[in-house]
């Protein structure tokens, strides 16, 4: 598995931090209570990421979540120790 990341933590954003156009992309009830981040000109919601479980290849590499198919490619996240930032990367098989 190949992982590409810049190893920098991004600030976790909240509903009011998003532009009106970005908010329109998330049309669900719990969006206002979720965390978001910007990565490669897109906005992601942390609620959309599947937790990486112990024993999973991404878990052994200290990643916390994945969006997409982790066996071919996907966006991966690692939360900071204090939960105020998120490191983002891409995984490829």
PDB file of N, CA and C in Angstrom:
ATOM      1  N   UNK A   1       0.843  -1.173   0.000  1.00  0.00           N
ATOM      2  CA  UNK A   1       0.000   0.000   0.000  1.00  0.00           C
ATOM      3  C   UNK A   1       0.887   1.235   0.000  1.00  0.00           C
ATOM      4  N   UNK A   2       0.572   2.171  -0.878  1.00  0.00           N
ATOM      5  CA  UNK A   2       1.304   3.433  -0.961  1.00  0.00           C
ATOM      6  C   UNK A   2       0.465   4.541  -0.330  1.00  0.00           C
ATOM      7  N   UNK A   3       1.127   5.398   0.423  1.00  0.00           N
ATOM      8  CA  UNK A   3       0.440   6.519   1.060  1.00  0.00           C
ATOM      9  C   UNK A   3       1.155   7.799   0.689  1.00  0.00           C
ATOM     10  N   UNK A   4       0.365   8.792   0.307  1.00  0.00           N
ATOM     11  CA  UNK A   4       0.905  10.101  -0.054  1.00  0.00           C
ATOM     12  C   UNK A   4       0.293  11.146   0.876  1.00  0.00           C
ATOM     13  N   UNK A   5       1.133  11.852   1.626  1.00  0.00           N
ATOM     14  CA  UNK A   5       0.668  12.890   2.542  1.00  0.00           C
ATOM     15  C   UNK A   5       1.773  13.914   2.725  1.00  0.00           C
ATOM     16  N   UNK A   6       1.394  15.115   3.141  1.00  0.00           N
ATOM     17  CA  UNK A   6       2.400  16.143   3.422  1.00  0.00           C
ATOM     18  C   UNK A   6       2.751  16.186   4.916  1.00  0.00           C
ATOM     19  N   UNK A   7       2.138  15.311   5.713  1.00  0.00           N
ATOM     20  CA  UNK A   7       2.396  15.180   7.151  1.00  0.00           C
ATOM     21  C   UNK A   7       2.074  16.440   7.942  1.00  0.00           C
ATOM     22  N   UNK A   8       1.203  17.296   7.411  1.00  0.00           N
ATOM     23  CA  UNK A   8       0.805  18.515   8.117  1.00  0.00           C
ATOM     24  C   UNK A   8      -0.638  18.381   8.583  1.00  0.00           C
ATOM     25  N   UNK A   9      -0.896  18.884   9.772  1.00  0.00           N
ATOM     26  CA  UNK A   9      -2.256  18.866  10.297  1.00  0.00           C
ATOM     27  C   UNK A   9      -3.023  20.082   9.802  1.00  0.00           C
ATOM     28  N   UNK A  10      -4.256  19.840   9.382  1.00  0.00           N
ATOM     29  CA  UNK A  10      -5.161  20.903   8.972  1.00  0.00           C
ATOM     30  C   UNK A  10      -6.132  21.183  10.120  1.00  0.00           C
ATOM     31  N   UNK A  11      -6.569  22.412  10.166  1.00  0.00           N
ATOM     32  CA  UNK A  11      -7.534  22.806  11.191  1.00  0.00           C
ATOM     33  C   UNK A  11      -8.877  22.139  10.928  1.00  0.00           C
ATOM     34  N   UNK A  12      -9.515  21.660  11.982  1.00  0.00           N
ATOM     35  CA  UNK A  12     -10.872  21.142  11.844  1.00  0.00           C
ATOM     36  C   UNK A  12     -11.822  22.329  11.860  1.00  0.00           C
ATOM     37  N   UNK A  13     -12.665  22.361  10.851  1.00  0.00           N
ATOM     38  CA  UNK A  13     -13.608  23.465  10.678  1.00  0.00           C
ATOM     39  C   UNK A  13     -14.991  23.034  11.159  1.00  0.00           C
ATOM     40  N   UNK A  14     -15.803  24.018  11.451  1.00  0.00           N
ATOM     41  CA  UNK A  14     -17.170  23.754  11.866  1.00  0.00           C
ATOM     42  C   UNK A  14     -18.127  24.420  10.892  1.00  0.00           C
ATOM     43  N   UNK A  15     -19.389  24.121  11.026  1.00  0.00           N
ATOM     44  CA  UNK A  15     -20.412  24.554  10.084  1.00  0.00           C
ATOM     45  C   UNK A  15     -20.293  26.039   9.739  1.00  0.00           C
ATOM     46  N   UNK A  16     -20.146  26.868  10.750  1.00  0.00           N
ATOM     47  CA  UNK A  16     -20.084  28.314  10.513  1.00  0.00           C
ATOM     48  C   UNK A  16     -18.801  28.755   9.813  1.00  0.00           C
ATOM     49  N   UNK A  17     -17.787  27.897   9.784  1.00  0.00           N
ATOM     50  CA  UNK A  17     -16.540  28.205   9.083  1.00  0.00           C
ATOM     51  C   UNK A  17     -16.650  27.976   7.585  1.00  0.00           C
ATOM     52  N   UNK A  18     -17.662  27.225   7.160  1.00  0.00           N
ATOM     53  CA  UNK A  18     -17.828  26.912   5.744  1.00  0.00           C
ATOM     54  C   UNK A  18     -18.543  28.043   5.021  1.00  0.00           C
ATOM     55  N   UNK A  19     -18.230  28.177   3.738  1.00  0.00           N
ATOM     56  CA  UNK A  19     -18.950  29.157   2.929  1.00  0.00           C
ATOM     57  C   UNK A  19     -20.366  28.643   2.692  1.00  0.00           C
ATOM     58  N   UNK A  20     -21.244  29.526   2.268  1.00  0.00           N
ATOM     59  CA  UNK A  20     -22.623  29.126   1.983  1.00  0.00           C
ATOM     60  C   UNK A  20     -22.659  28.044   0.909  1.00  0.00           C
ATOM     61  N   UNK A  21     -21.818  28.179  -0.097  1.00  0.00           N
ATOM     62  CA  UNK A  21     -21.758  27.184  -1.179  1.00  0.00           C
ATOM     63  C   UNK A  21     -21.290  25.831  -0.640  1.00  0.00           C
ATOM     64  N   UNK A  22     -20.301  25.845   0.249  1.00  0.00           N
ATOM     65  CA  UNK A  22     -19.827  24.597   0.845  1.00  0.00           C
ATOM     66  C   UNK A  22     -20.908  23.954   1.707  1.00  0.00           C
ATOM     67  N   UNK A  23     -21.656  24.766   2.433  1.00  0.00           N
ATOM     68  CA  UNK A  23     -22.729  24.233   3.271  1.00  0.00           C
ATOM     69  C   UNK A  23     -23.797  23.536   2.430  1.00  0.00           C
ATOM     70  N   UNK A  24     -24.041  24.037   1.228  1.00  0.00           N
ATOM     71  CA  UNK A  24     -25.056  23.441   0.357  1.00  0.00           C
ATOM     72  C   UNK A  24     -24.686  22.018  -0.060  1.00  0.00           C
ATOM     73  N   UNK A  25     -23.389  21.683  -0.027  1.00  0.00           N
ATOM     74  CA  UNK A  25     -22.952  20.333  -0.383  1.00  0.00           C
ATOM     75  C   UNK A  25     -23.361  19.311   0.666  1.00  0.00           C
ATOM     76  N   UNK A  26     -23.623  19.771   1.888  1.00  0.00           N
ATOM     77  CA  UNK A  26     -23.946  18.887   2.993  1.00  0.00           C
ATOM     78  C   UNK A  26     -25.373  19.173   3.447  1.00  0.00           C
ATOM     79  N   UNK A  27     -26.296  18.390   2.926  1.00  0.00           N
ATOM     80  CA  UNK A  27     -27.702  18.632   3.193  1.00  0.00           C
ATOM     81  C   UNK A  27     -28.271  17.545   4.101  1.00  0.00           C
ATOM     82  N   UNK A  28     -27.733  17.470   5.322  1.00  0.00           N
ATOM     83  CA  UNK A  28     -28.283  16.516   6.265  1.00  0.00           C
ATOM     84  C   UNK A  28     -28.372  17.146   7.629  1.00  0.00           C
ATOM     85  N   UNK A  29     -29.202  16.555   8.450  1.00  0.00           N
ATOM     86  CA  UNK A  29     -29.532  17.137   9.750  1.00  0.00           C
ATOM     87  C   UNK A  29     -28.339  17.321  10.666  1.00  0.00           C
ATOM     88  N   UNK A  30     -27.436  16.355  10.720  1.00  0.00           N
ATOM     89  CA  UNK A  30     -26.355  16.422  11.693  1.00  0.00           C
ATOM     90  C   UNK A  30     -25.134  17.196  11.205  1.00  0.00           C
ATOM     91  N   UNK A  31     -25.195  17.775  10.032  1.00  0.00           N
ATOM     92  CA  UNK A  31     -24.039  18.487   9.477  1.00  0.00           C
ATOM     93  C   UNK A  31     -23.591  19.641  10.365  1.00  0.00           C
ATOM     94  N   UNK A  32     -24.525  20.300  11.007  1.00  0.00           N
ATOM     95  CA  UNK A  32     -24.166  21.460  11.823  1.00  0.00           C
ATOM     96  C   UNK A  32     -23.347  21.080  13.049  1.00  0.00           C
ATOM     97  N   UNK A  33     -23.367  19.818  13.444  1.00  0.00           N
ATOM     98  CA  UNK A  33     -22.609  19.368  14.608  1.00  0.00           C
ATOM     99  C   UNK A  33     -21.372  18.563  14.229  1.00  0.00           C
ATOM    100  N   UNK A  34     -21.007  18.567  12.962  1.00  0.00           N
ATOM    101  CA  UNK A  34     -19.895  17.765  12.483  1.00  0.00           C
ATOM    102  C   UNK A  34     -18.645  18.610  12.284  1.00  0.00           C
ATOM    103  N   UNK A  35     -17.507  17.923  12.164  1.00  0.00           N
ATOM    104  CA  UNK A  35     -16.245  18.573  11.841  1.00  0.00           C
ATOM    105  C   UNK A  35     -15.953  18.429  10.359  1.00  0.00           C
ATOM    106  N   UNK A  36     -15.304  19.418   9.792  1.00  0.00           N
ATOM    107  CA  UNK A  36     -14.986  19.447   8.369  1.00  0.00           C
ATOM    108  C   UNK A  36     -13.527  19.833   8.186  1.00  0.00           C
ATOM    109  N   UNK A  37     -13.006  19.588   6.987  1.00  0.00           N
ATOM    110  CA  UNK A  37     -11.678  20.079   6.635  1.00  0.00           C
ATOM    111  C   UNK A  37     -11.612  20.232   5.117  1.00  0.00           C
ATOM    112  N   UNK A  38     -10.694  21.073   4.690  1.00  0.00           N
ATOM    113  CA  UNK A  38     -10.476  21.285   3.253  1.00  0.00           C
ATOM    114  C   UNK A  38      -9.208  20.541   2.841  1.00  0.00           C
ATOM    115  N   UNK A  39      -9.309  19.854   1.703  1.00  0.00           N
ATOM    116  CA  UNK A  39      -8.176  19.093   1.180  1.00  0.00           C
ATOM    117  C   UNK A  39      -8.280  19.070  -0.333  1.00  0.00           C
ATOM    118  N   UNK A  40      -7.262  19.558  -0.982  1.00  0.00           N
ATOM    119  CA  UNK A  40      -7.195  19.582  -2.455  1.00  0.00           C
ATOM    120  C   UNK A  40      -8.449  20.202  -3.068  1.00  0.00           C
ATOM    121  N   UNK A  41      -8.808  21.369  -2.581  1.00  0.00           N
ATOM    122  CA  UNK A  41      -9.917  22.176  -3.090  1.00  0.00           C
ATOM    123  C   UNK A  41     -11.293  21.543  -2.876  1.00  0.00           C
ATOM    124  N   UNK A  42     -11.384  20.577  -1.974  1.00  0.00           N
ATOM    125  CA  UNK A  42     -12.667  19.971  -1.623  1.00  0.00           C
ATOM    126  C   UNK A  42     -12.871  20.073  -0.123  1.00  0.00           C
ATOM    127  N   UNK A  43     -14.126  20.041   0.284  1.00  0.00           N
ATOM    128  CA  UNK A  43     -14.462  20.031   1.697  1.00  0.00           C
ATOM    129  C   UNK A  43     -14.947  18.635   2.049  1.00  0.00           C
ATOM    130  N   UNK A  44     -14.413  18.095   3.126  1.00  0.00           N
ATOM    131  CA  UNK A  44     -14.786  16.771   3.599  1.00  0.00           C
ATOM    132  C   UNK A  44     -15.404  16.891   4.983  1.00  0.00           C
ATOM    133  N   UNK A  45     -16.321  16.005   5.267  1.00  0.00           N
ATOM    134  CA  UNK A  45     -16.925  15.919   6.594  1.00  0.00           C
ATOM    135  C   UNK A  45     -16.371  14.665   7.279  1.00  0.00           C
ATOM    136  N   UNK A  46     -15.923  14.821   8.497  1.00  0.00           N
ATOM    137  CA  UNK A  46     -15.362  13.684   9.219  1.00  0.00           C
ATOM    138  C   UNK A  46     -16.378  12.566   9.424  1.00  0.00           C
ATOM    139  N   UNK A  47     -17.667  12.906   9.421  1.00  0.00           N
ATOM    140  CA  UNK A  47     -18.720  11.894   9.582  1.00  0.00           C
ATOM    141  C   UNK A  47     -18.738  10.903   8.416  1.00  0.00           C
ATOM    142  N   UNK A  48     -18.172  11.284   7.274  1.00  0.00           N
ATOM    143  CA  UNK A  48     -18.189  10.437   6.088  1.00  0.00           C
ATOM    144  C   UNK A  48     -17.066   9.399   6.073  1.00  0.00           C
ATOM    145  N   UNK A  49     -16.182   9.442   7.071  1.00  0.00           N
ATOM    146  CA  UNK A  49     -15.046   8.530   7.096  1.00  0.00           C
ATOM    147  C   UNK A  49     -15.362   7.313   7.946  1.00  0.00           C
ATOM    148  N   UNK A  50     -14.933   6.157   7.439  1.00  0.00           N
ATOM    149  CA  UNK A  50     -15.108   4.912   8.173  1.00  0.00           C
ATOM    150  C   UNK A  50     -13.902   4.723   9.090  1.00  0.00           C
ATOM    151  N   UNK A  51     -14.167   4.357  10.312  1.00  0.00           N
ATOM    152  CA  UNK A  51     -13.102   4.137  11.283  1.00  0.00           C
ATOM    153  C   UNK A  51     -12.224   2.970  10.846  1.00  0.00           C
ATOM    154  N   UNK A  52     -10.921   3.115  11.008  1.00  0.00           N
ATOM    155  CA  UNK A  52      -9.975   2.045  10.714  1.00  0.00           C
ATOM    156  C   UNK A  52      -9.826   1.209  11.982  1.00  0.00           C
ATOM    157  N   UNK A  53     -10.043  -0.082  11.880  1.00  0.00           N
ATOM    158  CA  UNK A  53     -10.026  -0.951  13.051  1.00  0.00           C
ATOM    159  C   UNK A  53      -8.658  -1.590  13.281  1.00  0.00           C
ATOM    160  N   UNK A  54      -8.418  -1.935  14.521  1.00  0.00           N
ATOM    161  CA  UNK A  54      -7.168  -2.582  14.921  1.00  0.00           C
ATOM    162  C   UNK A  54      -6.912  -3.812  14.049  1.00  0.00           C
ATOM    163  N   UNK A  55      -5.701  -3.950  13.597  1.00  0.00           N
ATOM    164  CA  UNK A  55      -5.337  -5.071  12.741  1.00  0.00           C
ATOM    165  C   UNK A  55      -5.397  -4.723  11.262  1.00  0.00           C
ATOM    166  N   UNK A  56      -6.140  -3.696  10.910  1.00  0.00           N
ATOM    167  CA  UNK A  56      -6.205  -3.233   9.525  1.00  0.00           C
ATOM    168  C   UNK A  56      -4.849  -2.644   9.149  1.00  0.00           C
ATOM    169  N   UNK A  57      -4.459  -2.776   7.897  1.00  0.00           N
ATOM    170  CA  UNK A  57      -3.164  -2.266   7.439  1.00  0.00           C
ATOM    171  C   UNK A  57      -3.021  -0.774   7.709  1.00  0.00           C
ATOM    172  N   UNK A  58      -4.087  -0.011   7.525  1.00  0.00           N
ATOM    173  CA  UNK A  58      -4.006   1.431   7.786  1.00  0.00           C
ATOM    174  C   UNK A  58      -3.851   1.711   9.278  1.00  0.00           C
ATOM    175  N   UNK A  59      -4.448   0.878  10.121  1.00  0.00           N
ATOM    176  CA  UNK A  59      -4.315   1.060  11.567  1.00  0.00           C
ATOM    177  C   UNK A  59      -2.866   0.862  12.001  1.00  0.00           C
ATOM    178  N   UNK A  60      -2.208  -0.125  11.433  1.00  0.00           N
ATOM    179  CA  UNK A  60      -0.810  -0.369  11.806  1.00  0.00           C
ATOM    180  C   UNK A  60       0.084   0.794  11.390  1.00  0.00           C
ATOM    181  N   UNK A  61      -0.382   1.599  10.449  1.00  0.00           N
ATOM    182  CA  UNK A  61       0.359   2.786  10.013  1.00  0.00           C
ATOM    183  C   UNK A  61      -0.150   4.053  10.714  1.00  0.00           C
ATOM    184  N   UNK A  62      -0.978   3.863  11.741  1.00  0.00           N
ATOM    185  CA  UNK A  62      -1.489   4.946  12.597  1.00  0.00           C
ATOM    186  C   UNK A  62      -2.478   5.886  11.927  1.00  0.00           C
ATOM    187  N   UNK A  63      -3.261   5.407  10.988  1.00  0.00           N
ATOM    188  CA  UNK A  63      -4.337   6.200  10.400  1.00  0.00           C
ATOM    189  C   UNK A  63      -5.633   5.851  11.113  1.00  0.00           C
ATOM    190  N   UNK A  64      -6.524   6.827  11.242  1.00  0.00           N
ATOM    191  CA  UNK A  64      -7.749   6.650  12.012  1.00  0.00           C
ATOM    192  C   UNK A  64      -8.988   6.380  11.174  1.00  0.00           C
ATOM    193  N   UNK A  65      -9.027   6.863   9.934  1.00  0.00           N
ATOM    194  CA  UNK A  65     -10.234   6.710   9.138  1.00  0.00           C
ATOM    195  C   UNK A  65      -9.935   6.737   7.656  1.00  0.00           C
ATOM    196  N   UNK A  66     -10.893   6.249   6.878  1.00  0.00           N
ATOM    197  CA  UNK A  66     -10.739   6.188   5.423  1.00  0.00           C
ATOM    198  C   UNK A  66     -12.084   6.470   4.768  1.00  0.00           C
ATOM    199  N   UNK A  67     -12.023   7.143   3.643  1.00  0.00           N
ATOM    200  CA  UNK A  67     -13.209   7.365   2.809  1.00  0.00           C
ATOM    201  C   UNK A  67     -12.848   6.873   1.421  1.00  0.00           C
ATOM    202  N   UNK A  68     -13.616   5.948   0.923  1.00  0.00           N
ATOM    203  CA  UNK A  68     -13.315   5.335  -0.364  1.00  0.00           C
ATOM    204  C   UNK A  68     -13.000   3.874  -0.153  1.00  0.00           C
ATOM    205  N   UNK A  69     -12.434   3.247  -1.119  1.00  0.00           N
ATOM    206  CA  UNK A  69     -12.086   1.838  -1.053  1.00  0.00           C
ATOM    207  C   UNK A  69     -10.624   1.698  -0.641  1.00  0.00           C
ATOM    208  N   UNK A  70     -10.359   1.288   0.604  1.00  0.00           N
ATOM    209  CA  UNK A  70      -8.969   1.225   1.063  1.00  0.00           C
ATOM    210  C   UNK A  70      -8.130   0.178   0.341  1.00  0.00           C
ATOM    211  N   UNK A  71      -8.754  -0.708  -0.452  1.00  0.00           N
ATOM    212  CA  UNK A  71      -7.982  -1.708  -1.177  1.00  0.00           C
ATOM    213  C   UNK A  71      -7.547  -1.207  -2.543  1.00  0.00           C
ATOM    214  N   UNK A  72      -8.110  -0.089  -3.008  1.00  0.00           N
ATOM    215  CA  UNK A  72      -7.644   0.461  -4.279  1.00  0.00           C
ATOM    216  C   UNK A  72      -7.166   1.894  -4.106  1.00  0.00           C
ATOM    217  N   UNK A  73      -8.013   2.769  -3.554  1.00  0.00           N
ATOM    218  CA  UNK A  73      -7.570   4.136  -3.252  1.00  0.00           C
ATOM    219  C   UNK A  73      -8.613   4.798  -2.355  1.00  0.00           C
ATOM    220  N   UNK A  74      -8.164   5.796  -1.629  1.00  0.00           N
ATOM    221  CA  UNK A  74      -9.079   6.509  -0.760  1.00  0.00           C
ATOM    222  C   UNK A  74      -8.383   7.650  -0.060  1.00  0.00           C
ATOM    223  N   UNK A  75      -9.178   8.491   0.569  1.00  0.00           N
ATOM    224  CA  UNK A  75      -8.660   9.582   1.395  1.00  0.00           C
ATOM    225  C   UNK A  75      -8.582   9.036   2.816  1.00  0.00           C
ATOM    226  N   UNK A  76      -7.461   9.266   3.480  1.00  0.00           N
ATOM    227  CA  UNK A  76      -7.262   8.770   4.834  1.00  0.00           C
ATOM    228  C   UNK A  76      -7.013   9.938   5.778  1.00  0.00           C
ATOM    229  N   UNK A  77      -7.382   9.747   7.048  1.00  0.00           N
ATOM    230  CA  UNK A  77      -7.218  10.814   8.036  1.00  0.00           C
ATOM    231  C   UNK A  77      -6.598  10.268   9.318  1.00  0.00           C
ATOM    232  N   UNK A  78      -5.864  11.144   9.981  1.00  0.00           N
ATOM    233  CA  UNK A  78      -5.308  10.880  11.309  1.00  0.00           C
ATOM    234  C   UNK A  78      -5.628  12.101  12.161  1.00  0.00           C
ATOM    235  N   UNK A  79      -6.335  11.893  13.256  1.00  0.00           N
ATOM    236  CA  UNK A  79      -6.672  12.997  14.150  1.00  0.00           C
ATOM    237  C   UNK A  79      -5.475  13.333  15.030  1.00  0.00           C
ATOM    238  N   UNK A  80      -5.317  14.606  15.333  1.00  0.00           N
ATOM    239  CA  UNK A  80      -4.246  15.028  16.228  1.00  0.00           C
ATOM    240  C   UNK A  80      -4.534  14.520  17.637  1.00  0.00           C
ATOM    241  N   UNK A  81      -3.523  14.506  18.475  1.00  0.00           N
ATOM    242  CA  UNK A  81      -3.682  14.012  19.848  1.00  0.00           C
ATOM    243  C   UNK A  81      -4.757  14.765  20.618  1.00  0.00           C
ATOM    244  N   UNK A  82      -4.928  16.041  20.313  1.00  0.00           N
ATOM    245  CA  UNK A  82      -5.909  16.859  21.032  1.00  0.00           C
ATOM    246  C   UNK A  82      -7.227  17.000  20.284  1.00  0.00           C
ATOM    247  N   UNK A  83      -7.334  16.398  19.111  1.00  0.00           N
ATOM    248  CA  UNK A  83      -8.580  16.423  18.361  1.00  0.00           C
ATOM    249  C   UNK A  83      -8.900  17.742  17.694  1.00  0.00           C
ATOM    250  N   UNK A  84      -7.915  18.628  17.585  1.00  0.00           N
ATOM    251  CA  UNK A  84      -8.170  19.932  16.967  1.00  0.00           C
ATOM    252  C   UNK A  84      -7.595  20.039  15.562  1.00  0.00           C
ATOM    253  N   UNK A  85      -7.030  18.974  15.048  1.00  0.00           N
ATOM    254  CA  UNK A  85      -6.465  18.985  13.707  1.00  0.00           C
ATOM    255  C   UNK A  85      -6.583  17.610  13.080  1.00  0.00           C
ATOM    256  N   UNK A  86      -6.426  17.580  11.773  1.00  0.00           N
ATOM    257  CA  UNK A  86      -6.510  16.319  11.043  1.00  0.00           C
ATOM    258  C   UNK A  86      -5.421  16.299   9.974  1.00  0.00           C
ATOM    259  N   UNK A  87      -4.646  15.211   9.952  1.00  0.00           N
ATOM    260  CA  UNK A  87      -3.677  14.986   8.886  1.00  0.00           C
ATOM    261  C   UNK A  87      -4.408  14.204   7.804  1.00  0.00           C
ATOM    262  N   UNK A  88      -4.169  14.560   6.569  1.00  0.00           N
ATOM    263  CA  UNK A  88      -4.899  13.952   5.454  1.00  0.00           C
ATOM    264  C   UNK A  88      -3.903  13.384   4.462  1.00  0.00           C
ATOM    265  N   UNK A  89      -4.281  12.273   3.853  1.00  0.00           N
ATOM    266  CA  UNK A  89      -3.452  11.676   2.826  1.00  0.00           C
ATOM    267  C   UNK A  89      -4.308  10.864   1.867  1.00  0.00           C
ATOM    268  N   UNK A  90      -3.635  10.249   0.923  1.00  0.00           N
ATOM    269  CA  UNK A  90      -4.289   9.342  -0.020  1.00  0.00           C
ATOM    270  C   UNK A  90      -3.592   8.008   0.065  1.00  0.00           C
ATOM    271  N   UNK A  91      -4.361   6.946  -0.014  1.00  0.00           N
ATOM    272  CA  UNK A  91      -3.766   5.608  -0.046  1.00  0.00           C
ATOM    273  C   UNK A  91      -4.070   4.972  -1.404  1.00  0.00           C
ATOM    274  N   UNK A  92      -3.112   4.213  -1.868  1.00  0.00           N
ATOM    275  CA  UNK A  92      -3.210   3.511  -3.155  1.00  0.00           C
ATOM    276  C   UNK A  92      -2.693   2.090  -2.981  1.00  0.00           C
ATOM    277  N   UNK A  93      -3.273   1.186  -3.727  1.00  0.00           N
ATOM    278  CA  UNK A  93      -2.740  -0.184  -3.664  1.00  0.00           C
ATOM    279  C   UNK A  93      -1.814  -0.443  -4.821  1.00  0.00           C
TER     280      UNK A  93
END
